[in-house]
């Protein structure tokens, strides 16, 4: 899987270098990652880290995190269309901070 991830990274770099649409690049990475189970392998590598790795993988697989992120993207799309792009940046920053806080809190809670 490591050569596959290197190839994905190289193709993304080339796509950004030649100004390929970012949506097309993202869709390509998701399609290749899902078809080859590259994301599962990456989570397996993260889980190999002693003590913290399995906890991080458990948190990343919680449905609430996925739901929170999906709602954030949907609200962002609506807000950008209405002209609130600066507010969207603030909102997305807060959402990322919340998700990181949940992950750190969950890990610390499991360790302590």
PDB file of N, CA and C in Angstrom:
ATOM      1  N   UNK A   1       0.813  -1.208   0.000  1.00  0.00           N
ATOM      2  CA  UNK A   1       0.000   0.000   0.000  1.00  0.00           C
ATOM      3  C   UNK A   1       0.852   1.267   0.000  1.00  0.00           C
ATOM      4  N   UNK A   2       2.050   1.181   0.526  1.00  0.00           N
ATOM      5  CA  UNK A   2       2.900   2.374   0.557  1.00  0.00           C
ATOM      6  C   UNK A   2       3.186   2.906  -0.844  1.00  0.00           C
ATOM      7  N   UNK A   3       3.509   2.038  -1.824  1.00  0.00           N
ATOM      8  CA  UNK A   3       3.677   2.570  -3.187  1.00  0.00           C
ATOM      9  C   UNK A   3       2.395   3.194  -3.737  1.00  0.00           C
ATOM     10  N   UNK A   4       1.245   2.645  -3.360  1.00  0.00           N
ATOM     11  CA  UNK A   4      -0.029   3.215  -3.810  1.00  0.00           C
ATOM     12  C   UNK A   4      -0.211   4.621  -3.252  1.00  0.00           C
ATOM     13  N   UNK A   5       0.074   4.816  -1.950  1.00  0.00           N
ATOM     14  CA  UNK A   5      -0.052   6.141  -1.356  1.00  0.00           C
ATOM     15  C   UNK A   5       0.968   7.117  -1.956  1.00  0.00           C
ATOM     16  N   UNK A   6       2.155   6.616  -2.267  1.00  0.00           N
ATOM     17  CA  UNK A   6       3.149   7.483  -2.931  1.00  0.00           C
ATOM     18  C   UNK A   6       2.657   7.892  -4.317  1.00  0.00           C
ATOM     19  N   UNK A   7       2.036   6.954  -5.036  1.00  0.00           N
ATOM     20  CA  UNK A   7       1.490   7.274  -6.358  1.00  0.00           C
ATOM     21  C   UNK A   7       0.338   8.267  -6.247  1.00  0.00           C
ATOM     22  N   UNK A   8      -0.525   8.087  -5.258  1.00  0.00           N
ATOM     23  CA  UNK A   8      -1.628   9.031  -5.054  1.00  0.00           C
ATOM     24  C   UNK A   8      -1.077  10.419  -4.762  1.00  0.00           C
ATOM     25  N   UNK A   9      -0.087  10.493  -3.870  1.00  0.00           N
ATOM     26  CA  UNK A   9       0.508  11.788  -3.527  1.00  0.00           C
ATOM     27  C   UNK A   9       1.170  12.430  -4.746  1.00  0.00           C
ATOM     28  N   UNK A  10       1.844  11.634  -5.553  1.00  0.00           N
ATOM     29  CA  UNK A  10       2.496  12.166  -6.753  1.00  0.00           C
ATOM     30  C   UNK A  10       1.470  12.682  -7.763  1.00  0.00           C
ATOM     31  N   UNK A  11       0.391  11.937  -7.948  1.00  0.00           N
ATOM     32  CA  UNK A  11      -0.643  12.377  -8.884  1.00  0.00           C
ATOM     33  C   UNK A  11      -1.356  13.630  -8.394  1.00  0.00           C
ATOM     34  N   UNK A  12      -1.580  13.731  -7.097  1.00  0.00           N
ATOM     35  CA  UNK A  12      -2.188  14.947  -6.555  1.00  0.00           C
ATOM     36  C   UNK A  12      -1.241  16.123  -6.751  1.00  0.00           C
ATOM     37  N   UNK A  13       0.037  15.922  -6.496  1.00  0.00           N
ATOM     38  CA  UNK A  13       1.014  16.999  -6.689  1.00  0.00           C
ATOM     39  C   UNK A  13       1.039  17.441  -8.150  1.00  0.00           C
ATOM     40  N   UNK A  14       1.056  16.469  -9.071  1.00  0.00           N
ATOM     41  CA  UNK A  14       1.039  16.821 -10.497  1.00  0.00           C
ATOM     42  C   UNK A  14      -0.254  17.540 -10.872  1.00  0.00           C
ATOM     43  N   UNK A  15      -1.364  17.085 -10.334  1.00  0.00           N
ATOM     44  CA  UNK A  15      -2.641  17.727 -10.621  1.00  0.00           C
ATOM     45  C   UNK A  15      -2.672  19.166 -10.134  1.00  0.00           C
ATOM     46  N   UNK A  16      -2.131  19.409  -8.943  1.00  0.00           N
ATOM     47  CA  UNK A  16      -2.075  20.785  -8.433  1.00  0.00           C
ATOM     48  C   UNK A  16      -1.096  21.622  -9.238  1.00  0.00           C
ATOM     49  N   UNK A  17      -0.018  21.002  -9.667  1.00  0.00           N
ATOM     50  CA  UNK A  17       0.991  21.724 -10.460  1.00  0.00           C
ATOM     51  C   UNK A  17       0.438  22.168 -11.812  1.00  0.00           C
ATOM     52  N   UNK A  18      -0.397  21.319 -12.419  1.00  0.00           N
ATOM     53  CA  UNK A  18      -0.967  21.634 -13.734  1.00  0.00           C
ATOM     54  C   UNK A  18      -2.377  22.203 -13.636  1.00  0.00           C
ATOM     55  N   UNK A  19      -2.761  22.688 -12.462  1.00  0.00           N
ATOM     56  CA  UNK A  19      -4.025  23.386 -12.233  1.00  0.00           C
ATOM     57  C   UNK A  19      -5.261  22.562 -12.603  1.00  0.00           C
ATOM     58  N   UNK A  20      -5.264  21.302 -12.224  1.00  0.00           N
ATOM     59  CA  UNK A  20      -6.452  20.466 -12.395  1.00  0.00           C
ATOM     60  C   UNK A  20      -7.432  20.861 -11.288  1.00  0.00           C
ATOM     61  N   UNK A  21      -8.706  20.819 -11.586  1.00  0.00           N
ATOM     62  CA  UNK A  21      -9.732  21.199 -10.613  1.00  0.00           C
ATOM     63  C   UNK A  21      -9.586  20.362  -9.341  1.00  0.00           C
ATOM     64  N   UNK A  22      -9.636  21.035  -8.198  1.00  0.00           N
ATOM     65  CA  UNK A  22      -9.435  20.356  -6.912  1.00  0.00           C
ATOM     66  C   UNK A  22     -10.545  19.362  -6.607  1.00  0.00           C
ATOM     67  N   UNK A  23     -11.743  19.640  -7.074  1.00  0.00           N
ATOM     68  CA  UNK A  23     -12.844  18.692  -6.874  1.00  0.00           C
ATOM     69  C   UNK A  23     -12.599  17.384  -7.604  1.00  0.00           C
ATOM     70  N   UNK A  24     -12.043  17.482  -8.798  1.00  0.00           N
ATOM     71  CA  UNK A  24     -11.719  16.280  -9.570  1.00  0.00           C
ATOM     72  C   UNK A  24     -10.620  15.494  -8.860  1.00  0.00           C
ATOM     73  N   UNK A  25      -9.613  16.200  -8.345  1.00  0.00           N
ATOM     74  CA  UNK A  25      -8.541  15.526  -7.615  1.00  0.00           C
ATOM     75  C   UNK A  25      -9.080  14.824  -6.362  1.00  0.00           C
ATOM     76  N   UNK A  26      -9.925  15.516  -5.623  1.00  0.00           N
ATOM     77  CA  UNK A  26     -10.482  14.932  -4.401  1.00  0.00           C
ATOM     78  C   UNK A  26     -11.334  13.704  -4.729  1.00  0.00           C
ATOM     79  N   UNK A  27     -12.153  13.801  -5.751  1.00  0.00           N
ATOM     80  CA  UNK A  27     -12.990  12.662  -6.140  1.00  0.00           C
ATOM     81  C   UNK A  27     -12.124  11.485  -6.587  1.00  0.00           C
ATOM     82  N   UNK A  28     -11.047  11.772  -7.293  1.00  0.00           N
ATOM     83  CA  UNK A  28     -10.138  10.708  -7.723  1.00  0.00           C
ATOM     84  C   UNK A  28      -9.460  10.022  -6.552  1.00  0.00           C
ATOM     85  N   UNK A  29      -9.010  10.801  -5.578  1.00  0.00           N
ATOM     86  CA  UNK A  29      -8.370  10.217  -4.397  1.00  0.00           C
ATOM     87  C   UNK A  29      -9.361   9.373  -3.607  1.00  0.00           C
ATOM     88  N   UNK A  30     -10.582   9.874  -3.430  1.00  0.00           N
ATOM     89  CA  UNK A  30     -11.598   9.107  -2.707  1.00  0.00           C
ATOM     90  C   UNK A  30     -11.929   7.819  -3.453  1.00  0.00           C
ATOM     91  N   UNK A  31     -12.076   7.889  -4.770  1.00  0.00           N
ATOM     92  CA  UNK A  31     -12.412   6.699  -5.550  1.00  0.00           C
ATOM     93  C   UNK A  31     -11.293   5.655  -5.465  1.00  0.00           C
ATOM     94  N   UNK A  32     -10.061   6.087  -5.664  1.00  0.00           N
ATOM     95  CA  UNK A  32      -8.931   5.151  -5.602  1.00  0.00           C
ATOM     96  C   UNK A  32      -8.778   4.601  -4.184  1.00  0.00           C
ATOM     97  N   UNK A  33      -8.934   5.464  -3.192  1.00  0.00           N
ATOM     98  CA  UNK A  33      -8.797   5.022  -1.808  1.00  0.00           C
ATOM     99  C   UNK A  33      -9.850   4.016  -1.397  1.00  0.00           C
ATOM    100  N   UNK A  34     -11.074   4.209  -1.854  1.00  0.00           N
ATOM    101  CA  UNK A  34     -12.140   3.267  -1.515  1.00  0.00           C
ATOM    102  C   UNK A  34     -12.025   1.960  -2.291  1.00  0.00           C
ATOM    103  N   UNK A  35     -11.642   2.049  -3.552  1.00  0.00           N
ATOM    104  CA  UNK A  35     -11.530   0.828  -4.362  1.00  0.00           C
ATOM    105  C   UNK A  35     -10.365  -0.056  -3.934  1.00  0.00           C
ATOM    106  N   UNK A  36      -9.277   0.551  -3.471  1.00  0.00           N
ATOM    107  CA  UNK A  36      -8.097  -0.225  -3.105  1.00  0.00           C
ATOM    108  C   UNK A  36      -7.970  -0.449  -1.598  1.00  0.00           C
ATOM    109  N   UNK A  37      -8.906   0.046  -0.820  1.00  0.00           N
ATOM    110  CA  UNK A  37      -8.887  -0.059   0.646  1.00  0.00           C
ATOM    111  C   UNK A  37      -7.664   0.626   1.240  1.00  0.00           C
ATOM    112  N   UNK A  38      -7.209   1.683   0.596  1.00  0.00           N
ATOM    113  CA  UNK A  38      -6.034   2.411   1.063  1.00  0.00           C
ATOM    114  C   UNK A  38      -6.317   3.140   2.374  1.00  0.00           C
ATOM    115  N   UNK A  39      -7.538   3.595   2.573  1.00  0.00           N
ATOM    116  CA  UNK A  39      -7.872   4.294   3.815  1.00  0.00           C
ATOM    117  C   UNK A  39      -7.852   3.327   4.997  1.00  0.00           C
ATOM    118  N   UNK A  40      -8.321   2.110   4.791  1.00  0.00           N
ATOM    119  CA  UNK A  40      -8.279   1.105   5.858  1.00  0.00           C
ATOM    120  C   UNK A  40      -6.837   0.781   6.222  1.00  0.00           C
ATOM    121  N   UNK A  41      -5.969   0.691   5.223  1.00  0.00           N
ATOM    122  CA  UNK A  41      -4.550   0.440   5.489  1.00  0.00           C
ATOM    123  C   UNK A  41      -3.945   1.593   6.281  1.00  0.00           C
ATOM    124  N   UNK A  42      -4.296   2.815   5.923  1.00  0.00           N
ATOM    125  CA  UNK A  42      -3.760   3.979   6.628  1.00  0.00           C
ATOM    126  C   UNK A  42      -4.215   3.983   8.091  1.00  0.00           C
ATOM    127  N   UNK A  43      -5.469   3.637   8.347  1.00  0.00           N
ATOM    128  CA  UNK A  43      -5.941   3.524   9.729  1.00  0.00           C
ATOM    129  C   UNK A  43      -5.223   2.397  10.462  1.00  0.00           C
ATOM    130  N   UNK A  44      -4.909   1.324   9.752  1.00  0.00           N
ATOM    131  CA  UNK A  44      -4.144   0.234  10.358  1.00  0.00           C
ATOM    132  C   UNK A  44      -2.747   0.671  10.760  1.00  0.00           C
ATOM    133  N   UNK A  45      -2.122   1.490   9.927  1.00  0.00           N
ATOM    134  CA  UNK A  45      -0.792   2.015  10.258  1.00  0.00           C
ATOM    135  C   UNK A  45      -0.866   2.930  11.480  1.00  0.00           C
ATOM    136  N   UNK A  46      -1.900   3.762  11.535  1.00  0.00           N
ATOM    137  CA  UNK A  46      -2.082   4.631  12.707  1.00  0.00           C
ATOM    138  C   UNK A  46      -2.315   3.787  13.955  1.00  0.00           C
ATOM    139  N   UNK A  47      -3.053   2.687  13.823  1.00  0.00           N
ATOM    140  CA  UNK A  47      -3.354   1.826  14.973  1.00  0.00           C
ATOM    141  C   UNK A  47      -2.110   1.116  15.499  1.00  0.00           C
ATOM    142  N   UNK A  48      -1.039   1.048  14.716  1.00  0.00           N
ATOM    143  CA  UNK A  48       0.188   0.404  15.166  1.00  0.00           C
ATOM    144  C   UNK A  48       0.954   1.228  16.198  1.00  0.00           C
ATOM    145  N   UNK A  49       0.640   2.509  16.315  1.00  0.00           N
ATOM    146  CA  UNK A  49       1.312   3.343  17.308  1.00  0.00           C
ATOM    147  C   UNK A  49       0.881   2.860  18.691  1.00  0.00           C
ATOM    148  N   UNK A  50       1.829   2.545  19.558  1.00  0.00           N
ATOM    149  CA  UNK A  50       1.453   1.994  20.865  1.00  0.00           C
ATOM    150  C   UNK A  50       0.589   2.953  21.680  1.00  0.00           C
ATOM    151  N   UNK A  51      -0.336   2.435  22.396  1.00  0.00           N
ATOM    152  CA  UNK A  51      -1.245   3.067  23.344  1.00  0.00           C
ATOM    153  C   UNK A  51      -2.198   4.063  22.682  1.00  0.00           C
ATOM    154  N   UNK A  52      -1.685   5.071  22.012  1.00  0.00           N
ATOM    155  CA  UNK A  52      -2.523   6.146  21.478  1.00  0.00           C
ATOM    156  C   UNK A  52      -3.168   5.755  20.142  1.00  0.00           C
ATOM    157  N   UNK A  53      -2.475   4.986  19.325  1.00  0.00           N
ATOM    158  CA  UNK A  53      -2.956   4.647  17.987  1.00  0.00           C
ATOM    159  C   UNK A  53      -4.336   4.016  17.946  1.00  0.00           C
ATOM    160  N   UNK A  54      -4.566   2.938  18.707  1.00  0.00           N
ATOM    161  CA  UNK A  54      -5.903   2.333  18.674  1.00  0.00           C
ATOM    162  C   UNK A  54      -7.006   3.269  19.155  1.00  0.00           C
ATOM    163  N   UNK A  55      -6.678   4.134  20.098  1.00  0.00           N
ATOM    164  CA  UNK A  55      -7.687   5.076  20.603  1.00  0.00           C
ATOM    165  C   UNK A  55      -8.031   6.100  19.531  1.00  0.00           C
ATOM    166  N   UNK A  56      -7.013   6.597  18.820  1.00  0.00           N
ATOM    167  CA  UNK A  56      -7.255   7.570  17.751  1.00  0.00           C
ATOM    168  C   UNK A  56      -8.101   6.939  16.646  1.00  0.00           C
ATOM    169  N   UNK A  57      -7.810   5.695  16.293  1.00  0.00           N
ATOM    170  CA  UNK A  57      -8.593   5.008  15.263  1.00  0.00           C
ATOM    171  C   UNK A  57     -10.037   4.834  15.721  1.00  0.00           C
ATOM    172  N   UNK A  58     -10.223   4.527  16.995  1.00  0.00           N
ATOM    173  CA  UNK A  58     -11.582   4.378  17.525  1.00  0.00           C
ATOM    174  C   UNK A  58     -12.345   5.701  17.435  1.00  0.00           C
ATOM    175  N   UNK A  59     -11.685   6.792  17.768  1.00  0.00           N
ATOM    176  CA  UNK A  59     -12.338   8.103  17.708  1.00  0.00           C
ATOM    177  C   UNK A  59     -12.672   8.469  16.269  1.00  0.00           C
ATOM    178  N   UNK A  60     -11.733   8.202  15.340  1.00  0.00           N
ATOM    179  CA  UNK A  60     -11.978   8.548  13.939  1.00  0.00           C
ATOM    180  C   UNK A  60     -13.117   7.745  13.328  1.00  0.00           C
ATOM    181  N   UNK A  61     -13.442   6.620  13.920  1.00  0.00           N
ATOM    182  CA  UNK A  61     -14.527   5.809  13.376  1.00  0.00           C
ATOM    183  C   UNK A  61     -15.872   6.094  14.037  1.00  0.00           C
ATOM    184  N   UNK A  62     -15.923   7.024  14.973  1.00  0.00           N
ATOM    185  CA  UNK A  62     -17.188   7.385  15.619  1.00  0.00           C
ATOM    186  C   UNK A  62     -18.065   8.141  14.616  1.00  0.00           C
ATOM    187  N   UNK A  63     -19.276   7.729  14.495  1.00  0.00           N
ATOM    188  CA  UNK A  63     -20.199   8.335  13.536  1.00  0.00           C
ATOM    189  C   UNK A  63     -20.487   9.797  13.803  1.00  0.00           C
ATOM    190  N   UNK A  64     -20.451  10.215  15.076  1.00  0.00           N
ATOM    191  CA  UNK A  64     -20.725  11.612  15.413  1.00  0.00           C
ATOM    192  C   UNK A  64     -19.718  12.543  14.747  1.00  0.00           C
ATOM    193  N   UNK A  65     -18.459  12.148  14.713  1.00  0.00           N
ATOM    194  CA  UNK A  65     -17.424  12.964  14.082  1.00  0.00           C
ATOM    195  C   UNK A  65     -17.726  13.113  12.590  1.00  0.00           C
ATOM    196  N   UNK A  66     -18.098  12.011  11.949  1.00  0.00           N
ATOM    197  CA  UNK A  66     -18.434  12.052  10.522  1.00  0.00           C
ATOM    198  C   UNK A  66     -19.658  12.923  10.276  1.00  0.00           C
ATOM    199  N   UNK A  67     -20.666  12.800  11.131  1.00  0.00           N
ATOM    200  CA  UNK A  67     -21.882  13.597  10.981  1.00  0.00           C
ATOM    201  C   UNK A  67     -21.595  15.079  11.178  1.00  0.00           C
ATOM    202  N   UNK A  68     -20.804  15.417  12.175  1.00  0.00           N
ATOM    203  CA  UNK A  68     -20.446  16.809  12.436  1.00  0.00           C
ATOM    204  C   UNK A  68     -19.709  17.421  11.243  1.00  0.00           C
ATOM    205  N   UNK A  69     -18.792  16.677  10.681  1.00  0.00           N
ATOM    206  CA  UNK A  69     -18.041  17.170   9.535  1.00  0.00           C
ATOM    207  C   UNK A  69     -18.940  17.324   8.302  1.00  0.00           C
ATOM    208  N   UNK A  70     -19.832  16.376   8.067  1.00  0.00           N
ATOM    209  CA  UNK A  70     -20.724  16.452   6.911  1.00  0.00           C
ATOM    210  C   UNK A  70     -21.670  17.650   7.015  1.00  0.00           C
ATOM    211  N   UNK A  71     -22.219  17.883   8.189  1.00  0.00           N
ATOM    212  CA  UNK A  71     -23.100  19.041   8.378  1.00  0.00           C
ATOM    213  C   UNK A  71     -22.322  20.331   8.169  1.00  0.00           C
ATOM    214  N   UNK A  72     -21.077  20.352   8.622  1.00  0.00           N
ATOM    215  CA  UNK A  72     -20.231  21.532   8.418  1.00  0.00           C
ATOM    216  C   UNK A  72     -20.026  21.837   6.941  1.00  0.00           C
ATOM    217  N   UNK A  73     -19.798  20.811   6.140  1.00  0.00           N
ATOM    218  CA  UNK A  73     -19.623  21.037   4.708  1.00  0.00           C
ATOM    219  C   UNK A  73     -20.909  21.518   4.045  1.00  0.00           C
ATOM    220  N   UNK A  74     -22.035  20.950   4.431  1.00  0.00           N
ATOM    221  CA  UNK A  74     -23.302  21.380   3.838  1.00  0.00           C
ATOM    222  C   UNK A  74     -23.622  22.838   4.187  1.00  0.00           C
ATOM    223  N   UNK A  75     -23.398  23.205   5.431  1.00  0.00           N
ATOM    224  CA  UNK A  75     -23.634  24.592   5.829  1.00  0.00           C
ATOM    225  C   UNK A  75     -22.662  25.522   5.108  1.00  0.00           C
ATOM    226  N   UNK A  76     -21.433  25.061   4.906  1.00  0.00           N
ATOM    227  CA  UNK A  76     -20.442  25.875   4.190  1.00  0.00           C
ATOM    228  C   UNK A  76     -20.883  26.152   2.757  1.00  0.00           C
ATOM    229  N   UNK A  77     -21.412  25.150   2.100  1.00  0.00           N
ATOM    230  CA  UNK A  77     -21.859  25.330   0.714  1.00  0.00           C
ATOM    231  C   UNK A  77     -22.963  26.378   0.642  1.00  0.00           C
ATOM    232  N   UNK A  78     -23.927  26.271   1.530  1.00  0.00           N
ATOM    233  CA  UNK A  78     -25.035  27.230   1.538  1.00  0.00           C
ATOM    234  C   UNK A  78     -24.526  28.636   1.851  1.00  0.00           C
ATOM    235  N   UNK A  79     -23.640  28.751   2.832  1.00  0.00           N
ATOM    236  CA  UNK A  79     -23.133  30.071   3.224  1.00  0.00           C
ATOM    237  C   UNK A  79     -22.284  30.701   2.127  1.00  0.00           C
ATOM    238  N   UNK A  80     -21.476  29.923   1.438  1.00  0.00           N
ATOM    239  CA  UNK A  80     -20.644  30.472   0.357  1.00  0.00           C
ATOM    240  C   UNK A  80     -21.529  30.975  -0.770  1.00  0.00           C
ATOM    241  N   UNK A  81     -22.590  30.254  -1.077  1.00  0.00           N
ATOM    242  CA  UNK A  81     -23.495  30.697  -2.143  1.00  0.00           C
ATOM    243  C   UNK A  81     -24.202  31.996  -1.789  1.00  0.00           C
ATOM    244  N   UNK A  82     -24.388  32.248  -0.508  1.00  0.00           N
ATOM    245  CA  UNK A  82     -25.056  33.487  -0.084  1.00  0.00           C
ATOM    246  C   UNK A  82     -24.074  34.623   0.156  1.00  0.00           C
ATOM    247  N   UNK A  83     -22.772  34.370  -0.007  1.00  0.00           N
ATOM    248  CA  UNK A  83     -21.784  35.433   0.096  1.00  0.00           C
ATOM    249  C   UNK A  83     -21.114  35.584   1.447  1.00  0.00           C
ATOM    250  N   UNK A  84     -21.191  34.580   2.281  1.00  0.00           N
ATOM    251  CA  UNK A  84     -20.584  34.654   3.611  1.00  0.00           C
ATOM    252  C   UNK A  84     -19.270  33.863   3.665  1.00  0.00           C
ATOM    253  N   UNK A  85     -18.414  34.052   2.681  1.00  0.00           N
ATOM    254  CA  UNK A  85     -17.197  33.233   2.607  1.00  0.00           C
ATOM    255  C   UNK A  85     -16.250  33.484   3.783  1.00  0.00           C
ATOM    256  N   UNK A  86     -16.156  34.712   4.254  1.00  0.00           N
ATOM    257  CA  UNK A  86     -15.273  34.999   5.386  1.00  0.00           C
ATOM    258  C   UNK A  86     -15.795  34.331   6.660  1.00  0.00           C
ATOM    259  N   UNK A  87     -17.101  34.335   6.845  1.00  0.00           N
ATOM    260  CA  UNK A  87     -17.695  33.669   8.004  1.00  0.00           C
ATOM    261  C   UNK A  87     -17.521  32.155   7.924  1.00  0.00           C
ATOM    262  N   UNK A  88     -17.517  31.625   6.707  1.00  0.00           N
ATOM    263  CA  UNK A  88     -17.339  30.182   6.531  1.00  0.00           C
ATOM    264  C   UNK A  88     -15.953  29.770   7.024  1.00  0.00           C
ATOM    265  N   UNK A  89     -14.941  30.572   6.739  1.00  0.00           N
ATOM    266  CA  UNK A  89     -13.592  30.255   7.210  1.00  0.00           C
ATOM    267  C   UNK A  89     -13.553  30.201   8.732  1.00  0.00           C
ATOM    268  N   UNK A  90     -14.198  31.148   9.379  1.00  0.00           N
ATOM    269  CA  UNK A  90     -14.243  31.148  10.840  1.00  0.00           C
ATOM    270  C   UNK A  90     -14.991  29.916  11.355  1.00  0.00           C
ATOM    271  N   UNK A  91     -16.120  29.619  10.734  1.00  0.00           N
ATOM    272  CA  UNK A  91     -16.932  28.478  11.149  1.00  0.00           C
ATOM    273  C   UNK A  91     -16.174  27.167  10.978  1.00  0.00           C
ATOM    274  N   UNK A  92     -15.517  27.001   9.828  1.00  0.00           N
ATOM    275  CA  UNK A  92     -14.774  25.760   9.582  1.00  0.00           C
ATOM    276  C   UNK A  92     -13.598  25.638  10.539  1.00  0.00           C
ATOM    277  N   UNK A  93     -12.965  26.754  10.864  1.00  0.00           N
ATOM    278  CA  UNK A  93     -11.882  26.726  11.840  1.00  0.00           C
ATOM    279  C   UNK A  93     -12.370  26.272  13.209  1.00  0.00           C
ATOM    280  N   UNK A  94     -13.534  26.790  13.608  1.00  0.00           N
ATOM    281  CA  UNK A  94     -14.116  26.368  14.878  1.00  0.00           C
ATOM    282  C   UNK A  94     -14.509  24.892  14.863  1.00  0.00           C
ATOM    283  N   UNK A  95     -15.031  24.425  13.745  1.00  0.00           N
ATOM    284  CA  UNK A  95     -15.409  23.016  13.637  1.00  0.00           C
ATOM    285  C   UNK A  95     -14.191  22.110  13.747  1.00  0.00           C
ATOM    286  N   UNK A  96     -13.127  22.476  13.049  1.00  0.00           N
ATOM    287  CA  UNK A  96     -11.895  21.679  13.132  1.00  0.00           C
ATOM    288  C   UNK A  96     -11.351  21.694  14.554  1.00  0.00           C
ATOM    289  N   UNK A  97     -11.377  22.845  15.202  1.00  0.00           N
ATOM    290  CA  UNK A  97     -10.913  22.933  16.589  1.00  0.00           C
ATOM    291  C   UNK A  97     -11.772  22.058  17.503  1.00  0.00           C
ATOM    292  N   UNK A  98     -13.080  22.032  17.278  1.00  0.00           N
ATOM    293  CA  UNK A  98     -13.967  21.198  18.081  1.00  0.00           C
ATOM    294  C   UNK A  98     -13.662  19.722  17.881  1.00  0.00           C
ATOM    295  N   UNK A  99     -13.479  19.304  16.652  1.00  0.00           N
ATOM    296  CA  UNK A  99     -13.183  17.903  16.374  1.00  0.00           C
ATOM    297  C   UNK A  99     -11.841  17.512  16.999  1.00  0.00           C
ATOM    298  N   UNK A 100     -10.837  18.374  16.862  1.00  0.00           N
ATOM    299  CA  UNK A 100      -9.529  18.078  17.465  1.00  0.00           C
ATOM    300  C   UNK A 100      -9.658  18.021  18.983  1.00  0.00           C
ATOM    301  N   UNK A 101     -10.437  18.907  19.556  1.00  0.00           N
ATOM    302  CA  UNK A 101     -10.670  18.877  20.995  1.00  0.00           C
ATOM    303  C   UNK A 101     -11.363  17.609  21.449  1.00  0.00           C
ATOM    304  N   UNK A 102     -12.332  17.143  20.680  1.00  0.00           N
ATOM    305  CA  UNK A 102     -13.022  15.896  21.016  1.00  0.00           C
ATOM    306  C   UNK A 102     -12.045  14.724  20.970  1.00  0.00           C
ATOM    307  N   UNK A 103     -11.215  14.689  19.939  1.00  0.00           N
ATOM    308  CA  UNK A 103     -10.233  13.612  19.813  1.00  0.00           C
ATOM    309  C   UNK A 103      -9.253  13.639  20.979  1.00  0.00           C
ATOM    310  N   UNK A 104      -8.701  14.808  21.294  1.00  0.00           N
ATOM    311  CA  UNK A 104      -7.745  14.913  22.399  1.00  0.00           C
ATOM    312  C   UNK A 104      -8.417  14.546  23.728  1.00  0.00           C
ATOM    313  N   UNK A 105      -9.631  15.031  23.945  1.00  0.00           N
ATOM    314  CA  UNK A 105     -10.352  14.692  25.167  1.00  0.00           C
ATOM    315  C   UNK A 105     -10.639  13.207  25.291  1.00  0.00           C
ATOM    316  N   UNK A 106     -11.002  12.579  24.201  1.00  0.00           N
ATOM    317  CA  UNK A 106     -11.282  11.144  24.219  1.00  0.00           C
ATOM    318  C   UNK A 106     -10.015  10.358  24.530  1.00  0.00           C
ATOM    319  N   UNK A 107      -8.908  10.726  23.881  1.00  0.00           N
ATOM    320  CA  UNK A 107      -7.636  10.030  24.118  1.00  0.00           C
ATOM    321  C   UNK A 107      -7.193  10.207  25.564  1.00  0.00           C
ATOM    322  N   UNK A 108      -7.238  11.439  26.065  1.00  0.00           N
ATOM    323  CA  UNK A 108      -6.832  11.680  27.458  1.00  0.00           C
ATOM    324  C   UNK A 108      -7.758  10.959  28.439  1.00  0.00           C
ATOM    325  N   UNK A 109      -9.049  10.928  28.133  1.00  0.00           N
ATOM    326  CA  UNK A 109      -9.992  10.211  28.982  1.00  0.00           C
ATOM    327  C   UNK A 109      -9.715   8.730  29.050  1.00  0.00           C
ATOM    328  N   UNK A 110      -9.319   8.135  27.933  1.00  0.00           N
ATOM    329  CA  UNK A 110      -9.005   6.710  27.903  1.00  0.00           C
ATOM    330  C   UNK A 110      -7.689   6.408  28.606  1.00  0.00           C
ATOM    331  N   UNK A 111      -6.726   7.339  28.476  1.00  0.00           N
ATOM    332  CA  UNK A 111      -5.414   7.125  29.079  1.00  0.00           C
ATOM    333  C   UNK A 111      -5.423   7.360  30.585  1.00  0.00           C
ATOM    334  N   UNK A 112      -6.227   8.294  31.047  1.00  0.00           N
ATOM    335  CA  UNK A 112      -6.256   8.606  32.478  1.00  0.00           C
ATOM    336  C   UNK A 112      -7.351   7.828  33.106  1.00  0.00           C
TER     337      UNK A 112
END
